[in-house]
PDB file of N, CA and C in Angstrom:
ATOM      1  N   UNK A   1     -48.998   3.293  65.882  1.00  0.00           N
ATOM      2  CA  UNK A   1     -48.335   4.368  65.065  1.00  0.00           C
ATOM      3  C   UNK A   1     -47.351   5.053  65.615  1.00  0.00           C
ATOM      4  N   UNK A   2     -46.511   5.466  65.179  1.00  0.00           N
ATOM      5  CA  UNK A   2     -44.992   5.908  65.729  1.00  0.00           C
ATOM      6  C   UNK A   2     -45.204   7.179  66.297  1.00  0.00           C
ATOM      7  N   UNK A   3     -43.802   7.681  66.755  1.00  0.00           N
ATOM      8  CA  UNK A   3     -44.238   9.047  67.470  1.00  0.00           C
ATOM      9  C   UNK A   3     -43.835   9.979  66.326  1.00  0.00           C
ATOM     10  N   UNK A   4     -43.186   9.552  65.439  1.00  0.00           N
ATOM     11  CA  UNK A   4     -43.113  10.363  64.293  1.00  0.00           C
ATOM     12  C   UNK A   4     -43.951  10.660  63.299  1.00  0.00           C
ATOM     13  N   UNK A   5     -44.916   9.564  63.336  1.00  0.00           N
ATOM     14  CA  UNK A   5     -46.383   9.866  62.196  1.00  0.00           C
ATOM     15  C   UNK A   5     -47.522  10.876  63.560  1.00  0.00           C
ATOM     16  N   UNK A   6     -47.254  10.881  64.843  1.00  0.00           N
ATOM     17  CA  UNK A   6     -48.183  11.526  65.793  1.00  0.00           C
ATOM     18  C   UNK A   6     -47.552  12.623  65.609  1.00  0.00           C
ATOM     19  N   UNK A   7     -46.161  13.596  65.356  1.00  0.00           N
ATOM     20  CA  UNK A   7     -46.063  14.625  65.499  1.00  0.00           C
ATOM     21  C   UNK A   7     -46.320  15.087  64.220  1.00  0.00           C
ATOM     22  N   UNK A   8     -46.729  14.341  63.103  1.00  0.00           N
ATOM     23  CA  UNK A   8     -46.670  14.997  61.618  1.00  0.00           C
ATOM     24  C   UNK A   8     -47.816  16.060  61.569  1.00  0.00           C
ATOM     25  N   UNK A   9     -47.724  17.058  61.062  1.00  0.00           N
ATOM     26  CA  UNK A   9     -49.114  17.934  60.771  1.00  0.00           C
ATOM     27  C   UNK A   9     -48.993  18.668  59.558  1.00  0.00           C
ATOM     28  N   UNK A  10     -50.402  18.742  58.710  1.00  0.00           N
ATOM     29  CA  UNK A  10     -50.355  18.506  57.482  1.00  0.00           C
ATOM     30  C   UNK A  10     -51.087  20.098  57.425  1.00  0.00           C
ATOM     31  N   UNK A  11     -50.428  21.035  56.254  1.00  0.00           N
ATOM     32  CA  UNK A  11     -50.087  21.979  56.273  1.00  0.00           C
ATOM     33  C   UNK A  11     -51.295  22.597  55.190  1.00  0.00           C
ATOM     34  N   UNK A  12     -52.045  23.157  55.211  1.00  0.00           N
ATOM     35  CA  UNK A  12     -53.003  23.679  54.189  1.00  0.00           C
ATOM     36  C   UNK A  12     -52.944  24.717  53.606  1.00  0.00           C
ATOM     37  N   UNK A  13     -52.936  25.362  52.357  1.00  0.00           N
ATOM     38  CA  UNK A  13     -52.754  26.601  52.147  1.00  0.00           C
ATOM     39  C   UNK A  13     -54.306  26.758  51.324  1.00  0.00           C
ATOM     40  N   UNK A  14     -54.238  28.553  51.591  1.00  0.00           N
ATOM     41  CA  UNK A  14     -56.247  29.050  51.169  1.00  0.00           C
ATOM     42  C   UNK A  14     -55.717  30.196  50.655  1.00  0.00           C
ATOM     43  N   UNK A  15     -55.625  30.160  49.421  1.00  0.00           N
ATOM     44  CA  UNK A  15     -55.568  31.172  48.848  1.00  0.00           C
ATOM     45  C   UNK A  15     -56.654  32.412  48.612  1.00  0.00           C
ATOM     46  N   UNK A  16     -56.601  33.557  48.604  1.00  0.00           N
ATOM     47  CA  UNK A  16     -57.352  34.524  48.826  1.00  0.00           C
ATOM     48  C   UNK A  16     -58.753  34.404  47.491  1.00  0.00           C
ATOM     49  N   UNK A  17     -58.093  33.638  46.547  1.00  0.00           N
ATOM     50  CA  UNK A  17     -59.395  33.712  45.625  1.00  0.00           C
ATOM     51  C   UNK A  17     -60.390  32.779  45.913  1.00  0.00           C
ATOM     52  N   UNK A  18     -59.557  31.569  46.340  1.00  0.00           N
ATOM     53  CA  UNK A  18     -60.330  30.119  46.616  1.00  0.00           C
ATOM     54  C   UNK A  18     -60.796  30.962  48.523  1.00  0.00           C
ATOM     55  N   UNK A  19     -60.307  31.469  49.029  1.00  0.00           N
ATOM     56  CA  UNK A  19     -61.206  31.658  50.548  1.00  0.00           C
ATOM     57  C   UNK A  19     -62.311  32.769  50.096  1.00  0.00           C
ATOM     58  N   UNK A  20     -62.688  33.316  48.596  1.00  0.00           N
ATOM     59  CA  UNK A  20     -63.820  34.044  49.113  1.00  0.00           C
ATOM     60  C   UNK A  20     -64.937  33.141  48.855  1.00  0.00           C
ATOM     61  N   UNK A  21     -64.997  31.938  47.986  1.00  0.00           N
ATOM     62  CA  UNK A  21     -66.144  31.145  47.696  1.00  0.00           C
ATOM     63  C   UNK A  21     -66.700  30.979  46.924  1.00  0.00           C
ATOM     64  N   UNK A  22     -67.556  29.907  46.562  1.00  0.00           N
ATOM     65  CA  UNK A  22     -68.442  30.106  45.254  1.00  0.00           C
ATOM     66  C   UNK A  22     -69.842  29.724  46.127  1.00  0.00           C
ATOM     67  N   UNK A  23     -70.805  30.538  45.897  1.00  0.00           N
ATOM     68  CA  UNK A  23     -72.024  30.400  45.917  1.00  0.00           C
ATOM     69  C   UNK A  23     -72.828  29.341  45.184  1.00  0.00           C
ATOM     70  N   UNK A  24     -73.850  28.869  45.774  1.00  0.00           N
ATOM     71  CA  UNK A  24     -74.149  27.616  44.747  1.00  0.00           C
ATOM     72  C   UNK A  24     -75.283  27.478  45.663  1.00  0.00           C
ATOM     73  N   UNK A  25     -76.733  27.141  44.819  1.00  0.00           N
ATOM     74  CA  UNK A  25     -77.975  26.662  45.603  1.00  0.00           C
ATOM     75  C   UNK A  25     -78.384  25.240  44.726  1.00  0.00           C
ATOM     76  N   UNK A  26     -77.274  24.468  43.913  1.00  0.00           N
ATOM     77  CA  UNK A  26     -78.289  23.044  43.638  1.00  0.00           C
ATOM     78  C   UNK A  26     -77.091  22.363  43.437  1.00  0.00           C
ATOM     79  N   UNK A  27     -77.020  21.348  43.661  1.00  0.00           N
ATOM     80  CA  UNK A  27     -75.768  19.940  43.630  1.00  0.00           C
ATOM     81  C   UNK A  27     -76.168  19.322  43.181  1.00  0.00           C
ATOM     82  N   UNK A  28     -75.652  18.579  42.149  1.00  0.00           N
ATOM     83  CA  UNK A  28     -76.074  17.702  41.370  1.00  0.00           C
ATOM     84  C   UNK A  28     -74.910  16.243  41.809  1.00  0.00           C
ATOM     85  N   UNK A  29     -75.509  15.365  42.148  1.00  0.00           N
ATOM     86  CA  UNK A  29     -74.187  14.283  42.707  1.00  0.00           C
ATOM     87  C   UNK A  29     -74.280  12.952  41.284  1.00  0.00           C
ATOM     88  N   UNK A  30     -72.914  12.596  40.523  1.00  0.00           N
ATOM     89  CA  UNK A  30     -73.402  11.707  39.865  1.00  0.00           C
ATOM     90  C   UNK A  30     -72.226  10.476  40.407  1.00  0.00           C
ATOM     91  N   UNK A  31     -72.380   9.246  39.923  1.00  0.00           N
ATOM     92  CA  UNK A  31     -71.023   8.566  40.671  1.00  0.00           C
ATOM     93  C   UNK A  31     -70.915   7.203  39.385  1.00  0.00           C
ATOM     94  N   UNK A  32     -69.827   6.631  39.414  1.00  0.00           N
ATOM     95  CA  UNK A  32     -69.453   5.599  38.623  1.00  0.00           C
ATOM     96  C   UNK A  32     -69.132   4.647  39.798  1.00  0.00           C
ATOM     97  N   UNK A  33     -68.594   3.468  39.147  1.00  0.00           N
ATOM     98  CA  UNK A  33     -67.566   2.278  40.421  1.00  0.00           C
ATOM     99  C   UNK A  33     -66.650   3.110  40.620  1.00  0.00           C
ATOM    100  N   UNK A  34     -66.124   4.403  40.227  1.00  0.00           N
ATOM    101  CA  UNK A  34     -64.563   4.272  40.778  1.00  0.00           C
ATOM    102  C   UNK A  34     -64.639   6.121  41.581  1.00  0.00           C
ATOM    103  N   UNK A  35     -66.218   6.846  41.195  1.00  0.00           N
ATOM    104  CA  UNK A  35     -65.617   7.797  41.337  1.00  0.00           C
ATOM    105  C   UNK A  35     -67.080   8.503  41.985  1.00  0.00           C
ATOM    106  N   UNK A  36     -67.245   9.482  42.898  1.00  0.00           N
ATOM    107  CA  UNK A  36     -68.246   9.978  42.871  1.00  0.00           C
ATOM    108  C   UNK A  36     -68.115  11.621  42.460  1.00  0.00           C
ATOM    109  N   UNK A  37     -68.981  12.580  41.534  1.00  0.00           N
ATOM    110  CA  UNK A  37     -68.579  13.718  40.923  1.00  0.00           C
ATOM    111  C   UNK A  37     -70.097  14.842  41.789  1.00  0.00           C
ATOM    112  N   UNK A  38     -69.562  16.060  42.043  1.00  0.00           N
ATOM    113  CA  UNK A  38     -70.214  16.848  42.558  1.00  0.00           C
ATOM    114  C   UNK A  38     -70.411  17.599  42.028  1.00  0.00           C
ATOM    115  N   UNK A  39     -71.436  18.620  41.047  1.00  0.00           N
ATOM    116  CA  UNK A  39     -71.401  19.585  40.249  1.00  0.00           C
ATOM    117  C   UNK A  39     -71.864  20.337  41.194  1.00  0.00           C
ATOM    118  N   UNK A  40     -71.381  21.652  41.647  1.00  0.00           N
ATOM    119  CA  UNK A  40     -72.305  22.689  42.067  1.00  0.00           C
ATOM    120  C   UNK A  40     -72.661  23.844  41.557  1.00  0.00           C
ATOM    121  N   UNK A  41     -73.897  24.290  41.370  1.00  0.00           N
ATOM    122  CA  UNK A  41     -74.512  25.212  40.422  1.00  0.00           C
ATOM    123  C   UNK A  41     -75.000  26.280  40.786  1.00  0.00           C
ATOM    124  N   UNK A  42     -74.904  27.187  40.187  1.00  0.00           N
ATOM    125  CA  UNK A  42     -75.827  28.705  40.505  1.00  0.00           C
ATOM    126  C   UNK A  42     -77.071  28.637  39.680  1.00  0.00           C
ATOM    127  N   UNK A  43     -78.232  29.020  39.990  1.00  0.00           N
ATOM    128  CA  UNK A  43     -79.477  28.897  39.393  1.00  0.00           C
ATOM    129  C   UNK A  43     -80.201  30.349  39.603  1.00  0.00           C
ATOM    130  N   UNK A  44     -80.368  30.940  38.940  1.00  0.00           N
ATOM    131  CA  UNK A  44     -80.842  32.545  39.223  1.00  0.00           C
ATOM    132  C   UNK A  44     -82.187  32.530  38.982  1.00  0.00           C
ATOM    133  N   UNK A  45     -83.220  33.148  39.852  1.00  0.00           N
ATOM    134  CA  UNK A  45     -84.147  32.934  39.579  1.00  0.00           C
ATOM    135  C   UNK A  45     -85.079  33.502  38.478  1.00  0.00           C
ATOM    136  N   UNK A  46     -86.092  33.349  37.335  1.00  0.00           N
ATOM    137  CA  UNK A  46     -86.473  33.426  36.125  1.00  0.00           C
ATOM    138  C   UNK A  46     -85.552  33.240  34.986  1.00  0.00           C
ATOM    139  N   UNK A  47     -84.217  32.976  35.099  1.00  0.00           N
ATOM    140  CA  UNK A  47     -83.491  32.081  34.140  1.00  0.00           C
ATOM    141  C   UNK A  47     -83.168  30.751  34.427  1.00  0.00           C
ATOM    142  N   UNK A  48     -83.968  30.388  33.023  1.00  0.00           N
ATOM    143  CA  UNK A  48     -83.894  28.619  32.976  1.00  0.00           C
ATOM    144  C   UNK A  48     -82.339  28.053  32.636  1.00  0.00           C
ATOM    145  N   UNK A  49     -81.513  28.629  32.746  1.00  0.00           N
ATOM    146  CA  UNK A  49     -80.288  28.203  32.561  1.00  0.00           C
ATOM    147  C   UNK A  49     -79.306  28.225  33.738  1.00  0.00           C
ATOM    148  N   UNK A  50     -78.962  27.137  34.281  1.00  0.00           N
ATOM    149  CA  UNK A  50     -78.106  27.368  35.480  1.00  0.00           C
ATOM    150  C   UNK A  50     -76.404  26.998  34.996  1.00  0.00           C
ATOM    151  N   UNK A  51     -75.353  27.156  35.903  1.00  0.00           N
ATOM    152  CA  UNK A  51     -74.167  27.351  35.379  1.00  0.00           C
ATOM    153  C   UNK A  51     -73.390  26.230  36.471  1.00  0.00           C
ATOM    154  N   UNK A  52     -72.860  25.561  36.081  1.00  0.00           N
ATOM    155  CA  UNK A  52     -71.823  24.534  37.025  1.00  0.00           C
ATOM    156  C   UNK A  52     -70.960  25.727  37.231  1.00  0.00           C
ATOM    157  N   UNK A  53     -70.544  26.336  38.920  1.00  0.00           N
ATOM    158  CA  UNK A  53     -69.714  26.809  39.124  1.00  0.00           C
ATOM    159  C   UNK A  53     -68.437  26.033  39.400  1.00  0.00           C
ATOM    160  N   UNK A  54     -68.566  25.012  40.167  1.00  0.00           N
ATOM    161  CA  UNK A  54     -67.558  24.182  40.623  1.00  0.00           C
ATOM    162  C   UNK A  54     -67.528  22.882  40.484  1.00  0.00           C
ATOM    163  N   UNK A  55     -66.958  21.863  40.157  1.00  0.00           N
ATOM    164  CA  UNK A  55     -66.833  20.417  40.187  1.00  0.00           C
ATOM    165  C   UNK A  55     -65.883  19.902  40.967  1.00  0.00           C
ATOM    166  N   UNK A  56     -66.603  18.805  41.777  1.00  0.00           N
ATOM    167  CA  UNK A  56     -65.535  18.179  43.033  1.00  0.00           C
ATOM    168  C   UNK A  56     -65.526  16.366  42.723  1.00  0.00           C
ATOM    169  N   UNK A  57     -64.426  16.101  42.704  1.00  0.00           N
ATOM    170  CA  UNK A  57     -64.543  14.354  42.118  1.00  0.00           C
ATOM    171  C   UNK A  57     -63.743  13.772  43.137  1.00  0.00           C
ATOM    172  N   UNK A  58     -64.654  12.891  43.680  1.00  0.00           N
ATOM    173  CA  UNK A  58     -63.933  12.042  45.236  1.00  0.00           C
ATOM    174  C   UNK A  58     -64.007  10.807  44.457  1.00  0.00           C
ATOM    175  N   UNK A  59     -63.162   9.863  45.511  1.00  0.00           N
ATOM    176  CA  UNK A  59     -62.910   8.519  45.539  1.00  0.00           C
ATOM    177  C   UNK A  59     -64.311   8.024  46.143  1.00  0.00           C
ATOM    178  N   UNK A  60     -64.919   7.350  46.295  1.00  0.00           N
ATOM    179  CA  UNK A  60     -66.305   6.378  47.255  1.00  0.00           C
ATOM    180  C   UNK A  60     -66.013   6.766  48.502  1.00  0.00           C
ATOM    181  N   UNK A  61     -64.466   6.261  48.905  1.00  0.00           N
ATOM    182  CA  UNK A  61     -64.260   6.319  50.451  1.00  0.00           C
ATOM    183  C   UNK A  61     -63.988   7.915  51.224  1.00  0.00           C
ATOM    184  N   UNK A  62     -63.845   8.906  49.986  1.00  0.00           N
ATOM    185  CA  UNK A  62     -63.575  10.139  50.415  1.00  0.00           C
ATOM    186  C   UNK A  62     -64.870  10.622  50.730  1.00  0.00           C
ATOM    187  N   UNK A  63     -65.826  10.181  49.220  1.00  0.00           N
ATOM    188  CA  UNK A  63     -67.399  11.154  49.331  1.00  0.00           C
ATOM    189  C   UNK A  63     -68.449  10.248  50.419  1.00  0.00           C
ATOM    190  N   UNK A  64     -67.959   9.022  51.033  1.00  0.00           N
ATOM    191  CA  UNK A  64     -68.820   8.634  52.142  1.00  0.00           C
ATOM    192  C   UNK A  64     -67.961   9.316  53.502  1.00  0.00           C
ATOM    193  N   UNK A  65     -66.527   9.896  53.502  1.00  0.00           N
ATOM    194  CA  UNK A  65     -65.974  10.564  54.975  1.00  0.00           C
ATOM    195  C   UNK A  65     -66.821  12.026  54.330  1.00  0.00           C
ATOM    196  N   UNK A  66     -67.172  12.441  53.880  1.00  0.00           N
ATOM    197  CA  UNK A  66     -67.127  13.693  53.743  1.00  0.00           C
ATOM    198  C   UNK A  66     -68.929  13.475  54.242  1.00  0.00           C
ATOM    199  N   UNK A  67     -69.738  12.743  53.770  1.00  0.00           N
ATOM    200  CA  UNK A  67     -71.468  12.403  53.935  1.00  0.00           C
ATOM    201  C   UNK A  67     -71.401  12.469  55.707  1.00  0.00           C
ATOM    202  N   UNK A  68     -70.100  11.670  56.030  1.00  0.00           N
ATOM    203  CA  UNK A  68     -70.663  11.844  57.464  1.00  0.00           C
ATOM    204  C   UNK A  68     -69.858  12.946  58.091  1.00  0.00           C
ATOM    205  N   UNK A  69     -68.642  13.633  57.302  1.00  0.00           N
ATOM    206  CA  UNK A  69     -68.814  14.777  58.162  1.00  0.00           C
ATOM    207  C   UNK A  69     -69.776  16.305  57.700  1.00  0.00           C
ATOM    208  N   UNK A  70     -70.382  15.913  57.123  1.00  0.00           N
ATOM    209  CA  UNK A  70     -71.376  16.839  56.959  1.00  0.00           C
ATOM    210  C   UNK A  70     -72.679  16.504  57.742  1.00  0.00           C
ATOM    211  N   UNK A  71     -72.931  15.688  57.764  1.00  0.00           N
ATOM    212  CA  UNK A  71     -74.147  14.953  58.881  1.00  0.00           C
ATOM    213  C   UNK A  71     -73.525  15.322  60.149  1.00  0.00           C
ATOM    214  N   UNK A  72     -72.215  14.609  60.865  1.00  0.00           N
ATOM    215  CA  UNK A  72     -72.075  15.458  62.082  1.00  0.00           C
ATOM    216  C   UNK A  72     -71.851  17.248  62.324  1.00  0.00           C
ATOM    217  N   UNK A  73     -71.609  18.065  61.320  1.00  0.00           N
ATOM    218  CA  UNK A  73     -71.852  19.176  61.438  1.00  0.00           C
ATOM    219  C   UNK A  73     -72.900  19.753  61.363  1.00  0.00           C
ATOM    220  N   UNK A  74     -74.212  19.221  60.352  1.00  0.00           N
ATOM    221  CA  UNK A  74     -75.672  19.732  60.754  1.00  0.00           C
ATOM    222  C   UNK A  74     -76.091  18.867  61.958  1.00  0.00           C
ATOM    223  N   UNK A  75     -75.872  18.315  62.536  1.00  0.00           N
ATOM    224  CA  UNK A  75     -76.349  17.400  63.894  1.00  0.00           C
ATOM    225  C   UNK A  75     -75.357  18.679  64.937  1.00  0.00           C
ATOM    226  N   UNK A  76     -74.378  19.418  65.047  1.00  0.00           N
ATOM    227  CA  UNK A  76     -74.022  20.347  65.291  1.00  0.00           C
ATOM    228  C   UNK A  76     -74.598  21.506  65.437  1.00  0.00           C
ATOM    229  N   UNK A  77     -74.499  22.181  64.040  1.00  0.00           N
ATOM    230  CA  UNK A  77     -75.304  23.065  63.987  1.00  0.00           C
ATOM    231  C   UNK A  77     -76.994  23.274  64.668  1.00  0.00           C
ATOM    232  N   UNK A  78     -77.797  22.212  64.473  1.00  0.00           N
ATOM    233  CA  UNK A  78     -79.148  21.922  64.852  1.00  0.00           C
ATOM    234  C   UNK A  78     -79.139  21.962  66.132  1.00  0.00           C
ATOM    235  N   UNK A  79     -77.992  21.692  66.790  1.00  0.00           N
ATOM    236  CA  UNK A  79     -78.029  21.357  68.477  1.00  0.00           C
ATOM    237  C   UNK A  79     -77.895  22.982  69.198  1.00  0.00           C
ATOM    238  N   UNK A  80     -77.564  23.886  67.953  1.00  0.00           N
ATOM    239  CA  UNK A  80     -76.879  25.348  68.409  1.00  0.00           C
ATOM    240  C   UNK A  80     -78.093  26.331  67.854  1.00  0.00           C
ATOM    241  N   UNK A  81     -78.845  25.640  66.852  1.00  0.00           N
ATOM    242  CA  UNK A  81     -79.079  27.089  66.378  1.00  0.00           C
ATOM    243  C   UNK A  81     -81.136  26.290  66.360  1.00  0.00           C
ATOM    244  N   UNK A  82     -81.169  25.068  66.213  1.00  0.00           N
ATOM    245  CA  UNK A  82     -82.607  24.418  65.816  1.00  0.00           C
ATOM    246  C   UNK A  82     -82.602  23.835  64.676  1.00  0.00           C
ATOM    247  N   UNK A  83     -83.657  22.861  64.259  1.00  0.00           N
ATOM    248  CA  UNK A  83     -83.530  22.133  63.307  1.00  0.00           C
ATOM    249  C   UNK A  83     -84.207  22.841  61.824  1.00  0.00           C
ATOM    250  N   UNK A  84     -82.740  22.612  60.621  1.00  0.00           N
ATOM    251  CA  UNK A  84     -82.922  23.210  59.646  1.00  0.00           C
ATOM    252  C   UNK A  84     -84.428  22.715  58.861  1.00  0.00           C
ATOM    253  N   UNK A  85     -85.224  23.331  58.556  1.00  0.00           N
ATOM    254  CA  UNK A  85     -86.193  23.093  58.024  1.00  0.00           C
ATOM    255  C   UNK A  85     -85.996  22.918  56.243  1.00  0.00           C
ATOM    256  N   UNK A  86     -85.876  22.137  55.735  1.00  0.00           N
ATOM    257  CA  UNK A  86     -86.665  21.475  54.594  1.00  0.00           C
ATOM    258  C   UNK A  86     -87.593  22.260  53.623  1.00  0.00           C
ATOM    259  N   UNK A  87     -87.301  22.807  52.168  1.00  0.00           N
ATOM    260  CA  UNK A  87     -88.447  23.104  51.544  1.00  0.00           C
ATOM    261  C   UNK A  87     -89.543  22.652  51.926  1.00  0.00           C
ATOM    262  N   UNK A  88     -89.179  21.366  51.540  1.00  0.00           N
ATOM    263  CA  UNK A  88     -90.773  20.813  51.692  1.00  0.00           C
ATOM    264  C   UNK A  88     -91.773  21.174  52.552  1.00  0.00           C
ATOM    265  N   UNK A  89     -90.708  21.278  53.877  1.00  0.00           N
ATOM    266  CA  UNK A  89     -91.520  21.840  54.998  1.00  0.00           C
ATOM    267  C   UNK A  89     -91.764  22.717  55.471  1.00  0.00           C
ATOM    268  N   UNK A  90     -91.750  24.410  54.429  1.00  0.00           N
ATOM    269  CA  UNK A  90     -91.996  25.780  54.464  1.00  0.00           C
ATOM    270  C   UNK A  90     -93.368  25.573  54.313  1.00  0.00           C
ATOM    271  N   UNK A  91     -93.635  26.954  54.943  1.00  0.00           N
ATOM    272  CA  UNK A  91     -95.260  26.843  55.061  1.00  0.00           C
ATOM    273  C   UNK A  91     -95.777  27.286  53.450  1.00  0.00           C
ATOM    274  N   UNK A  92     -96.874  27.207  53.275  1.00  0.00           N
ATOM    275  CA  UNK A  92     -97.426  27.523  51.543  1.00  0.00           C
ATOM    276  C   UNK A  92     -97.277  28.869  52.117  1.00  0.00           C
ATOM    277  N   UNK A  93     -96.901  29.644  50.389  1.00  0.00           N
ATOM    278  CA  UNK A  93     -96.649  30.746  50.173  1.00  0.00           C
ATOM    279  C   UNK A  93     -95.341  31.662  50.357  1.00  0.00           C
ATOM    280  N   UNK A  94     -94.378  31.211  50.688  1.00  0.00           N
ATOM    281  CA  UNK A  94     -93.118  31.497  51.086  1.00  0.00           C
ATOM    282  C   UNK A  94     -92.701  31.448  49.141  1.00  0.00           C
ATOM    283  N   UNK A  95     -92.171  32.611  49.196  1.00  0.00           N
ATOM    284  CA  UNK A  95     -91.658  32.439  47.320  1.00  0.00           C
ATOM    285  C   UNK A  95     -90.383  31.810  47.417  1.00  0.00           C
ATOM    286  N   UNK A  96     -90.422  30.688  46.358  1.00  0.00           N
ATOM    287  CA  UNK A  96     -88.936  29.818  46.477  1.00  0.00           C
ATOM    288  C   UNK A  96     -88.071  30.915  44.942  1.00  0.00           C
ATOM    289  N   UNK A  97     -88.855  31.903  44.744  1.00  0.00           N
ATOM    290  CA  UNK A  97     -88.521  32.446  43.578  1.00  0.00           C
ATOM    291  C   UNK A  97     -87.637  33.338  43.692  1.00  0.00           C
ATOM    292  N   UNK A  98     -86.483  33.698  44.885  1.00  0.00           N
ATOM    293  CA  UNK A  98     -85.947  34.509  45.565  1.00  0.00           C
ATOM    294  C   UNK A  98     -86.879  36.488  45.484  1.00  0.00           C
ATOM    295  N   UNK A  99     -88.150  36.313  45.235  1.00  0.00           N
ATOM    296  CA  UNK A  99     -88.223  37.876  44.909  1.00  0.00           C
ATOM    297  C   UNK A  99     -87.587  38.231  44.370  1.00  0.00           C
ATOM    298  N   UNK A 100     -87.030  37.870  43.326  1.00  0.00           N
ATOM    299  CA  UNK A 100     -86.585  39.197  42.011  1.00  0.00           C
ATOM    300  C   UNK A 100     -87.454  39.097  40.331  1.00  0.00           C
ATOM    301  N   UNK A 101     -87.053  39.560  39.855  1.00  0.00           N
ATOM    302  CA  UNK A 101     -87.612  40.024  38.388  1.00  0.00           C
ATOM    303  C   UNK A 101     -87.953  38.631  37.607  1.00  0.00           C
ATOM    304  N   UNK A 102     -88.885  38.820  37.224  1.00  0.00           N
ATOM    305  CA  UNK A 102     -89.011  37.721  36.187  1.00  0.00           C
ATOM    306  C   UNK A 102     -87.639  37.375  34.552  1.00  0.00           C
ATOM    307  N   UNK A 103     -87.099  36.647  34.497  1.00  0.00           N
ATOM    308  CA  UNK A 103     -86.297  37.403  33.204  1.00  0.00           C
ATOM    309  C   UNK A 103     -86.918  37.027  31.912  1.00  0.00           C
ATOM    310  N   UNK A 104     -86.712  38.095  31.496  1.00  0.00           N
ATOM    311  CA  UNK A 104     -87.280  37.869  30.101  1.00  0.00           C
ATOM    312  C   UNK A 104     -86.054  38.013  28.890  1.00  0.00           C
ATOM    313  N   UNK A 105     -86.752  37.054  27.342  1.00  0.00           N
ATOM    314  CA  UNK A 105     -85.444  37.277  26.469  1.00  0.00           C
ATOM    315  C   UNK A 105     -85.685  38.362  25.004  1.00  0.00           C
TER     316      UNK A 105
END
């Protein structure tokens, strides 16, 4: 790598509306031979229809890098905060309906 390549820095802009983020409690991942598609969905308790809030399309190489970055970050989080419990590991009786009212049509 040349000295010029070492001195280059990537500048990333984060606008205010994007910085707010989007809440998602479900992700659906599909793929073809050329790309991975991750749909981030928000599901509300008692409402049978979820809404895709964001879609990210990645090359297979970038999907693999994302997976590795997530694995590294989860490992760091767990080393500082303890093991993240999977929903399947939760004790019985913990409601997964968020405690909200049931929707009626």
